[in-house]
Amino acid sequence: MALNFPNQSRSYDATLHAVRFWGHDGAMEASFYVNEDALKRIQPGLRSDEAGILAAFDSHRDLIHMAAAKVYRRGRKGSYELIPADF
């Protein structure tokens, strides 16, 4: 099966300065996070507070999901980090 993102929930991780979200490959759930630097690459001028970071994620959700699918295809792991080079 292909990776998809039926669950639109996401959360801000203050420790990592990242947004966590989840994808599904059949019955398997994969955990992802996109860090603040990656979000700054796709949205220059990003506000570096929780509201700004979550808004950037929401504005670029489709692009982020496409990048997550590419990272996921590289190899299965417990969680996946999206970095600026992924965009």
PDB file of N, CA and C in Angstrom:
ATOM      1  N   MET A   1       0.840  -1.188   0.000  1.00  0.00           N
ATOM      2  CA  MET A   1       0.000   0.000   0.000  1.00  0.00           C
ATOM      3  C   MET A   1       0.880   1.245   0.000  1.00  0.00           C
ATOM      4  N   ALA A   2       0.303   2.328  -0.402  1.00  0.00           N
ATOM      5  CA  ALA A   2       1.012   3.606  -0.419  1.00  0.00           C
ATOM      6  C   ALA A   2       0.778   4.347   0.894  1.00  0.00           C
ATOM      7  N   LEU A   3       1.712   5.185   1.218  1.00  0.00           N
ATOM      8  CA  LEU A   3       1.584   6.022   2.410  1.00  0.00           C
ATOM      9  C   LEU A   3       0.512   7.067   2.164  1.00  0.00           C
ATOM     10  N   ASN A   4      -0.377   7.242   3.131  1.00  0.00           N
ATOM     11  CA  ASN A   4      -1.375   8.303   3.035  1.00  0.00           C
ATOM     12  C   ASN A   4      -1.529   8.968   4.384  1.00  0.00           C
ATOM     13  N   PHE A   5      -2.245  10.069   4.395  1.00  0.00           N
ATOM     14  CA  PHE A   5      -2.355  10.909   5.592  1.00  0.00           C
ATOM     15  C   PHE A   5      -3.820  11.204   5.898  1.00  0.00           C
ATOM     16  N   PRO A   6      -4.578  10.161   6.310  1.00  0.00           N
ATOM     17  CA  PRO A   6      -6.000  10.373   6.585  1.00  0.00           C
ATOM     18  C   PRO A   6      -6.257  11.184   7.856  1.00  0.00           C
ATOM     19  N   ASN A   7      -5.322  11.163   8.772  1.00  0.00           N
ATOM     20  CA  ASN A   7      -5.457  11.884  10.039  1.00  0.00           C
ATOM     21  C   ASN A   7      -4.818  13.263   9.876  1.00  0.00           C
ATOM     22  N   GLN A   8      -5.612  14.300   9.900  1.00  0.00           N
ATOM     23  CA  GLN A   8      -5.114  15.651   9.682  1.00  0.00           C
ATOM     24  C   GLN A   8      -4.537  16.298  10.944  1.00  0.00           C
ATOM     25  N   SER A   9      -4.503  15.556  12.043  1.00  0.00           N
ATOM     26  CA  SER A   9      -3.986  16.140  13.276  1.00  0.00           C
ATOM     27  C   SER A   9      -2.479  16.332  13.178  1.00  0.00           C
ATOM     28  N   ARG A  10      -2.006  17.318  13.896  1.00  0.00           N
ATOM     29  CA  ARG A  10      -0.580  17.618  14.012  1.00  0.00           C
ATOM     30  C   ARG A  10      -0.393  18.294  15.346  1.00  0.00           C
ATOM     31  N   SER A  11       0.836  18.277  15.842  1.00  0.00           N
ATOM     32  CA  SER A  11       1.091  18.926  17.127  1.00  0.00           C
ATOM     33  C   SER A  11       2.472  19.556  17.102  1.00  0.00           C
ATOM     34  N   TYR A  12       2.627  20.585  17.900  1.00  0.00           N
ATOM     35  CA  TYR A  12       3.901  21.278  18.002  1.00  0.00           C
ATOM     36  C   TYR A  12       4.724  20.627  19.104  1.00  0.00           C
ATOM     37  N   ASP A  13       5.967  20.305  18.808  1.00  0.00           N
ATOM     38  CA  ASP A  13       6.890  19.754  19.786  1.00  0.00           C
ATOM     39  C   ASP A  13       7.884  20.852  20.136  1.00  0.00           C
ATOM     40  N   ALA A  14       7.707  21.462  21.306  1.00  0.00           N
ATOM     41  CA  ALA A  14       8.536  22.599  21.716  1.00  0.00           C
ATOM     42  C   ALA A  14       9.997  22.207  21.922  1.00  0.00           C
ATOM     43  N   THR A  15      10.237  20.978  22.341  1.00  0.00           N
ATOM     44  CA  THR A  15      11.607  20.524  22.566  1.00  0.00           C
ATOM     45  C   THR A  15      12.384  20.448  21.258  1.00  0.00           C
ATOM     46  N   LEU A  16      11.741  19.940  20.219  1.00  0.00           N
ATOM     47  CA  LEU A  16      12.394  19.772  18.919  1.00  0.00           C
ATOM     48  C   LEU A  16      12.202  20.968  17.988  1.00  0.00           C
ATOM     49  N   HIS A  17      11.337  21.898  18.378  1.00  0.00           N
ATOM     50  CA  HIS A  17      10.963  23.016  17.493  1.00  0.00           C
ATOM     51  C   HIS A  17      10.503  22.444  16.155  1.00  0.00           C
ATOM     52  N   ALA A  18       9.515  21.568  16.235  1.00  0.00           N
ATOM     53  CA  ALA A  18       9.058  20.836  15.060  1.00  0.00           C
ATOM     54  C   ALA A  18       7.560  20.548  15.175  1.00  0.00           C
ATOM     55  N   VAL A  19       6.979  20.203  14.038  1.00  0.00           N
ATOM     56  CA  VAL A  19       5.583  19.774  13.992  1.00  0.00           C
ATOM     57  C   VAL A  19       5.571  18.271  13.759  1.00  0.00           C
ATOM     58  N   ARG A  20       4.868  17.553  14.610  1.00  0.00           N
ATOM     59  CA  ARG A  20       4.704  16.107  14.476  1.00  0.00           C
ATOM     60  C   ARG A  20       3.393  15.826  13.746  1.00  0.00           C
ATOM     61  N   PHE A  21       3.440  14.799  12.895  1.00  0.00           N
ATOM     62  CA  PHE A  21       2.236  14.351  12.209  1.00  0.00           C
ATOM     63  C   PHE A  21       2.409  12.877  11.869  1.00  0.00           C
ATOM     64  N   TRP A  22       1.340  12.240  11.406  1.00  0.00           N
ATOM     65  CA  TRP A  22       1.352  10.800  11.224  1.00  0.00           C
ATOM     66  C   TRP A  22       0.818  10.419   9.856  1.00  0.00           C
ATOM     67  N   GLY A  23       1.413   9.376   9.302  1.00  0.00           N
ATOM     68  CA  GLY A  23       0.957   8.797   8.047  1.00  0.00           C
ATOM     69  C   GLY A  23       0.647   7.333   8.259  1.00  0.00           C
ATOM     70  N   HIS A  24      -0.053   6.754   7.305  1.00  0.00           N
ATOM     71  CA  HIS A  24      -0.439   5.345   7.399  1.00  0.00           C
ATOM     72  C   HIS A  24      -0.106   4.621   6.106  1.00  0.00           C
ATOM     73  N   ASP A  25       0.464   3.450   6.263  1.00  0.00           N
ATOM     74  CA  ASP A  25       0.754   2.546   5.159  1.00  0.00           C
ATOM     75  C   ASP A  25       0.015   1.261   5.498  1.00  0.00           C
ATOM     76  N   GLY A  26      -1.186   1.148   5.008  1.00  0.00           N
ATOM     77  CA  GLY A  26      -2.051   0.039   5.420  1.00  0.00           C
ATOM     78  C   GLY A  26      -2.367   0.193   6.894  1.00  0.00           C
ATOM     79  N   ALA A  27      -2.085  -0.856   7.668  1.00  0.00           N
ATOM     80  CA  ALA A  27      -2.346  -0.817   9.110  1.00  0.00           C
ATOM     81  C   ALA A  27      -1.182  -0.218   9.893  1.00  0.00           C
ATOM     82  N   MET A  28      -0.065   0.025   9.225  1.00  0.00           N
ATOM     83  CA  MET A  28       1.123   0.558   9.897  1.00  0.00           C
ATOM     84  C   MET A  28       1.051   2.076   9.983  1.00  0.00           C
ATOM     85  N   GLU A  29       1.348   2.606  11.166  1.00  0.00           N
ATOM     86  CA  GLU A  29       1.397   4.052  11.359  1.00  0.00           C
ATOM     87  C   GLU A  29       2.856   4.500  11.381  1.00  0.00           C
ATOM     88  N   ALA A  30       3.143   5.588  10.711  1.00  0.00           N
ATOM     89  CA  ALA A  30       4.488   6.158  10.684  1.00  0.00           C
ATOM     90  C   ALA A  30       4.429   7.558  11.281  1.00  0.00           C
ATOM     91  N   SER A  31       5.375   7.852  12.158  1.00  0.00           N
ATOM     92  CA  SER A  31       5.458   9.149  12.815  1.00  0.00           C
ATOM     93  C   SER A  31       6.490  10.017  12.092  1.00  0.00           C
ATOM     94  N   PHE A  32       6.112  11.251  11.816  1.00  0.00           N
ATOM     95  CA  PHE A  32       6.979  12.197  11.124  1.00  0.00           C
ATOM     96  C   PHE A  32       7.082  13.470  11.932  1.00  0.00           C
ATOM     97  N   TYR A  33       8.174  14.183  11.734  1.00  0.00           N
ATOM     98  CA  TYR A  33       8.224  15.563  12.186  1.00  0.00           C
ATOM     99  C   TYR A  33       9.007  16.388  11.197  1.00  0.00           C
ATOM    100  N   VAL A  34       8.541  17.607  11.029  1.00  0.00           N
ATOM    101  CA  VAL A  34       9.195  18.563  10.141  1.00  0.00           C
ATOM    102  C   VAL A  34       9.737  19.667  11.033  1.00  0.00           C
ATOM    103  N   ASN A  35      11.044  19.893  10.955  1.00  0.00           N
ATOM    104  CA  ASN A  35      11.649  20.845  11.877  1.00  0.00           C
ATOM    105  C   ASN A  35      11.490  22.289  11.401  1.00  0.00           C
ATOM    106  N   GLU A  36      11.755  23.205  12.301  1.00  0.00           N
ATOM    107  CA  GLU A  36      11.567  24.627  12.030  1.00  0.00           C
ATOM    108  C   GLU A  36      12.418  25.094  10.853  1.00  0.00           C
ATOM    109  N   ASP A  37      13.638  24.605  10.734  1.00  0.00           N
ATOM    110  CA  ASP A  37      14.504  25.007   9.624  1.00  0.00           C
ATOM    111  C   ASP A  37      13.906  24.591   8.279  1.00  0.00           C
ATOM    112  N   ALA A  38      13.315  23.417   8.226  1.00  0.00           N
ATOM    113  CA  ALA A  38      12.674  22.964   6.987  1.00  0.00           C
ATOM    114  C   ALA A  38      11.472  23.848   6.656  1.00  0.00           C
ATOM    115  N   LEU A  39      10.701  24.200   7.670  1.00  0.00           N
ATOM    116  CA  LEU A  39       9.554  25.080   7.442  1.00  0.00           C
ATOM    117  C   LEU A  39      10.010  26.467   6.985  1.00  0.00           C
ATOM    118  N   LYS A  40      11.133  26.937   7.521  1.00  0.00           N
ATOM    119  CA  LYS A  40      11.669  28.235   7.080  1.00  0.00           C
ATOM    120  C   LYS A  40      12.099  28.184   5.616  1.00  0.00           C
ATOM    121  N   ARG A  41      12.530  27.030   5.167  1.00  0.00           N
ATOM    122  CA  ARG A  41      12.935  26.898   3.764  1.00  0.00           C
ATOM    123  C   ARG A  41      11.732  27.031   2.831  1.00  0.00           C
ATOM    124  N   ILE A  42      10.604  26.475   3.240  1.00  0.00           N
ATOM    125  CA  ILE A  42       9.426  26.553   2.376  1.00  0.00           C
ATOM    126  C   ILE A  42       8.576  27.792   2.634  1.00  0.00           C
ATOM    127  N   GLN A  43       8.813  28.443   3.766  1.00  0.00           N
ATOM    128  CA  GLN A  43       8.106  29.696   4.059  1.00  0.00           C
ATOM    129  C   GLN A  43       9.076  30.682   4.713  1.00  0.00           C
ATOM    130  N   PRO A  44       9.854  31.382   3.899  1.00  0.00           N
ATOM    131  CA  PRO A  44      10.769  32.385   4.455  1.00  0.00           C
ATOM    132  C   PRO A  44       9.973  33.418   5.268  1.00  0.00           C
ATOM    133  N   GLY A  45      10.572  33.921   6.304  1.00  0.00           N
ATOM    134  CA  GLY A  45       9.887  34.891   7.160  1.00  0.00           C
ATOM    135  C   GLY A  45       8.954  34.252   8.160  1.00  0.00           C
ATOM    136  N   LEU A  46       9.086  32.966   8.334  1.00  0.00           N
ATOM    137  CA  LEU A  46       8.260  32.215   9.282  1.00  0.00           C
ATOM    138  C   LEU A  46       8.369  32.799  10.680  1.00  0.00           C
ATOM    139  N   ARG A  47       7.228  32.980  11.328  1.00  0.00           N
ATOM    140  CA  ARG A  47       7.231  33.350  12.752  1.00  0.00           C
ATOM    141  C   ARG A  47       7.645  32.128  13.548  1.00  0.00           C
ATOM    142  N   SER A  48       8.619  32.273  14.412  1.00  0.00           N
ATOM    143  CA  SER A  48       9.188  31.122  15.138  1.00  0.00           C
ATOM    144  C   SER A  48       8.485  30.812  16.452  1.00  0.00           C
ATOM    145  N   ASP A  49       7.207  31.114  16.540  1.00  0.00           N
ATOM    146  CA  ASP A  49       6.445  30.710  17.718  1.00  0.00           C
ATOM    147  C   ASP A  49       5.515  29.559  17.311  1.00  0.00           C
ATOM    148  N   GLU A  50       4.882  28.950  18.285  1.00  0.00           N
ATOM    149  CA  GLU A  50       4.043  27.785  18.018  1.00  0.00           C
ATOM    150  C   GLU A  50       2.971  28.078  16.972  1.00  0.00           C
ATOM    151  N   ALA A  51       2.277  29.200  17.120  1.00  0.00           N
ATOM    152  CA  ALA A  51       1.201  29.535  16.183  1.00  0.00           C
ATOM    153  C   ALA A  51       1.743  29.719  14.767  1.00  0.00           C
ATOM    154  N   GLY A  52       2.881  30.371  14.631  1.00  0.00           N
ATOM    155  CA  GLY A  52       3.468  30.597  13.318  1.00  0.00           C
ATOM    156  C   GLY A  52       3.931  29.309  12.665  1.00  0.00           C
ATOM    157  N   ILE A  53       4.526  28.439  13.445  1.00  0.00           N
ATOM    158  CA  ILE A  53       5.022  27.172  12.924  1.00  0.00           C
ATOM    159  C   ILE A  53       3.857  26.270  12.498  1.00  0.00           C
ATOM    160  N   LEU A  54       2.818  26.200  13.317  1.00  0.00           N
ATOM    161  CA  LEU A  54       1.657  25.386  12.947  1.00  0.00           C
ATOM    162  C   LEU A  54       0.949  25.968  11.724  1.00  0.00           C
ATOM    163  N   ALA A  55       0.869  27.285  11.632  1.00  0.00           N
ATOM    164  CA  ALA A  55       0.240  27.912  10.467  1.00  0.00           C
ATOM    165  C   ALA A  55       1.029  27.610   9.196  1.00  0.00           C
ATOM    166  N   ALA A  56       2.353  27.632   9.286  1.00  0.00           N
ATOM    167  CA  ALA A  56       3.185  27.304   8.121  1.00  0.00           C
ATOM    168  C   ALA A  56       2.954  25.856   7.699  1.00  0.00           C
ATOM    169  N   PHE A  57       2.882  24.960   8.667  1.00  0.00           N
ATOM    170  CA  PHE A  57       2.605  23.553   8.355  1.00  0.00           C
ATOM    171  C   PHE A  57       1.266  23.438   7.632  1.00  0.00           C
ATOM    172  N   ASP A  58       0.246  24.071   8.176  1.00  0.00           N
ATOM    173  CA  ASP A  58      -1.085  23.978   7.579  1.00  0.00           C
ATOM    174  C   ASP A  58      -1.112  24.559   6.170  1.00  0.00           C
ATOM    175  N   SER A  59      -0.381  25.629   5.939  1.00  0.00           N
ATOM    176  CA  SER A  59      -0.351  26.275   4.622  1.00  0.00           C
ATOM    177  C   SER A  59       0.358  25.428   3.569  1.00  0.00           C
ATOM    178  N   HIS A  60       1.262  24.574   4.006  1.00  0.00           N
ATOM    179  CA  HIS A  60       2.081  23.799   3.071  1.00  0.00           C
ATOM    180  C   HIS A  60       1.915  22.294   3.283  1.00  0.00           C
ATOM    181  N   ARG A  61       0.775  21.898   3.812  1.00  0.00           N
ATOM    182  CA  ARG A  61       0.526  20.494   4.165  1.00  0.00           C
ATOM    183  C   ARG A  61       0.756  19.549   2.979  1.00  0.00           C
ATOM    184  N   ASP A  62       0.253  19.875   1.801  1.00  0.00           N
ATOM    185  CA  ASP A  62       0.403  18.974   0.654  1.00  0.00           C
ATOM    186  C   ASP A  62       1.875  18.782   0.290  1.00  0.00           C
ATOM    187  N   LEU A  63       2.631  19.862   0.256  1.00  0.00           N
ATOM    188  CA  LEU A  63       4.063  19.785  -0.035  1.00  0.00           C
ATOM    189  C   LEU A  63       4.796  18.950   1.020  1.00  0.00           C
ATOM    190  N   ILE A  64       4.444  19.160   2.273  1.00  0.00           N
ATOM    191  CA  ILE A  64       5.072  18.421   3.380  1.00  0.00           C
ATOM    192  C   ILE A  64       4.733  16.935   3.282  1.00  0.00           C
ATOM    193  N   HIS A  65       3.494  16.612   2.962  1.00  0.00           N
ATOM    194  CA  HIS A  65       3.108  15.207   2.813  1.00  0.00           C
ATOM    195  C   HIS A  65       3.852  14.557   1.649  1.00  0.00           C
ATOM    196  N   MET A  66       4.043  15.273   0.553  1.00  0.00           N
ATOM    197  CA  MET A  66       4.810  14.720  -0.574  1.00  0.00           C
ATOM    198  C   MET A  66       6.254  14.453  -0.164  1.00  0.00           C
ATOM    199  N   ALA A  67       6.866  15.381   0.556  1.00  0.00           N
ATOM    200  CA  ALA A  67       8.242  15.180   1.033  1.00  0.00           C
ATOM    201  C   ALA A  67       8.302  14.008   2.005  1.00  0.00           C
ATOM    202  N   ALA A  68       7.307  13.893   2.872  1.00  0.00           N
ATOM    203  CA  ALA A  68       7.270  12.785   3.828  1.00  0.00           C
ATOM    204  C   ALA A  68       7.192  11.444   3.109  1.00  0.00           C
ATOM    205  N   ALA A  69       6.408  11.370   2.057  1.00  0.00           N
ATOM    206  CA  ALA A  69       6.290  10.126   1.295  1.00  0.00           C
ATOM    207  C   ALA A  69       7.635   9.750   0.666  1.00  0.00           C
ATOM    208  N   LYS A  70       8.380  10.727   0.175  1.00  0.00           N
ATOM    209  CA  LYS A  70       9.705  10.461  -0.403  1.00  0.00           C
ATOM    210  C   LYS A  70      10.668   9.952   0.664  1.00  0.00           C
ATOM    211  N   VAL A  71      10.675  10.588   1.823  1.00  0.00           N
ATOM    212  CA  VAL A  71      11.546  10.165   2.915  1.00  0.00           C
ATOM    213  C   VAL A  71      11.169   8.759   3.380  1.00  0.00           C
ATOM    214  N   TYR A  72       9.896   8.479   3.440  1.00  0.00           N
ATOM    215  CA  TYR A  72       9.408   7.170   3.870  1.00  0.00           C
ATOM    216  C   TYR A  72       9.876   6.067   2.920  1.00  0.00           C
ATOM    217  N   ARG A  73       9.859   6.339   1.615  1.00  0.00           N
ATOM    218  CA  ARG A  73      10.270   5.335   0.627  1.00  0.00           C
ATOM    219  C   ARG A  73      11.754   5.001   0.718  1.00  0.00           C
ATOM    220  N   ARG A  74      12.566   5.855   1.335  1.00  0.00           N
ATOM    221  CA  ARG A  74      14.004   5.590   1.459  1.00  0.00           C
ATOM    222  C   ARG A  74      14.300   4.428   2.398  1.00  0.00           C
ATOM    223  N   GLY A  75      13.392   4.127   3.294  1.00  0.00           N
ATOM    224  CA  GLY A  75      13.606   3.025   4.232  1.00  0.00           C
ATOM    225  C   GLY A  75      12.731   3.189   5.449  1.00  0.00           C
ATOM    226  N   ARG A  76      12.271   2.093   5.960  1.00  0.00           N
ATOM    227  CA  ARG A  76      11.349   2.123   7.100  1.00  0.00           C
ATOM    228  C   ARG A  76      12.107   2.297   8.399  1.00  0.00           C
ATOM    229  N   LYS A  77      11.603   3.220   9.214  1.00  0.00           N
ATOM    230  CA  LYS A  77      12.187   3.509  10.525  1.00  0.00           C
ATOM    231  C   LYS A  77      11.053   3.740  11.514  1.00  0.00           C
ATOM    232  N   GLY A  78      11.424   3.992  12.763  1.00  0.00           N
ATOM    233  CA  GLY A  78      10.428   4.283  13.785  1.00  0.00           C
ATOM    234  C   GLY A  78       9.799   5.650  13.609  1.00  0.00           C
ATOM    235  N   SER A  79      10.608   6.640  13.240  1.00  0.00           N
ATOM    236  CA  SER A  79      10.090   7.972  12.966  1.00  0.00           C
ATOM    237  C   SER A  79      10.969   8.616  11.898  1.00  0.00           C
ATOM    238  N   TYR A  80      10.443   9.652  11.297  1.00  0.00           N
ATOM    239  CA  TYR A  80      11.103  10.275  10.163  1.00  0.00           C
ATOM    240  C   TYR A  80      11.170  11.785  10.380  1.00  0.00           C
ATOM    241  N   GLU A  81      12.342  12.344  10.156  1.00  0.00           N
ATOM    242  CA  GLU A  81      12.536  13.789  10.281  1.00  0.00           C
ATOM    243  C   GLU A  81      12.650  14.389   8.889  1.00  0.00           C
ATOM    244  N   LEU A  82      11.877  15.436   8.646  1.00  0.00           N
ATOM    245  CA  LEU A  82      12.000  16.188   7.404  1.00  0.00           C
ATOM    246  C   LEU A  82      12.877  17.389   7.675  1.00  0.00           C
ATOM    247  N   ILE A  83      13.908  17.536   6.857  1.00  0.00           N
ATOM    248  CA  ILE A  83      14.902  18.599   7.018  1.00  0.00           C
ATOM    249  C   ILE A  83      14.868  19.500   5.784  1.00  0.00           C
ATOM    250  N   PRO A  84      15.557  20.641   5.812  1.00  0.00           N
ATOM    251  CA  PRO A  84      15.503  21.551   4.658  1.00  0.00           C
ATOM    252  C   PRO A  84      15.860  20.884   3.331  1.00  0.00           C
ATOM    253  N   ALA A  85      16.806  19.968   3.313  1.00  0.00           N
ATOM    254  CA  ALA A  85      17.210  19.300   2.078  1.00  0.00           C
ATOM    255  C   ALA A  85      16.091  18.475   1.453  1.00  0.00           C
ATOM    256  N   ASP A  86      15.060  18.152   2.208  1.00  0.00           N
ATOM    257  CA  ASP A  86      13.931  17.381   1.682  1.00  0.00           C
ATOM    258  C   ASP A  86      12.967  18.228   0.864  1.00  0.00           C
ATOM    259  N   PHE A  87      13.215  19.559   0.854  1.00  0.00           N
ATOM    260  CA  PHE A  87      12.312  20.461   0.127  1.00  0.00           C
ATOM    261  C   PHE A  87      13.028  21.148  -1.009  1.00  0.00           C
TER     262      PHE A  87
END
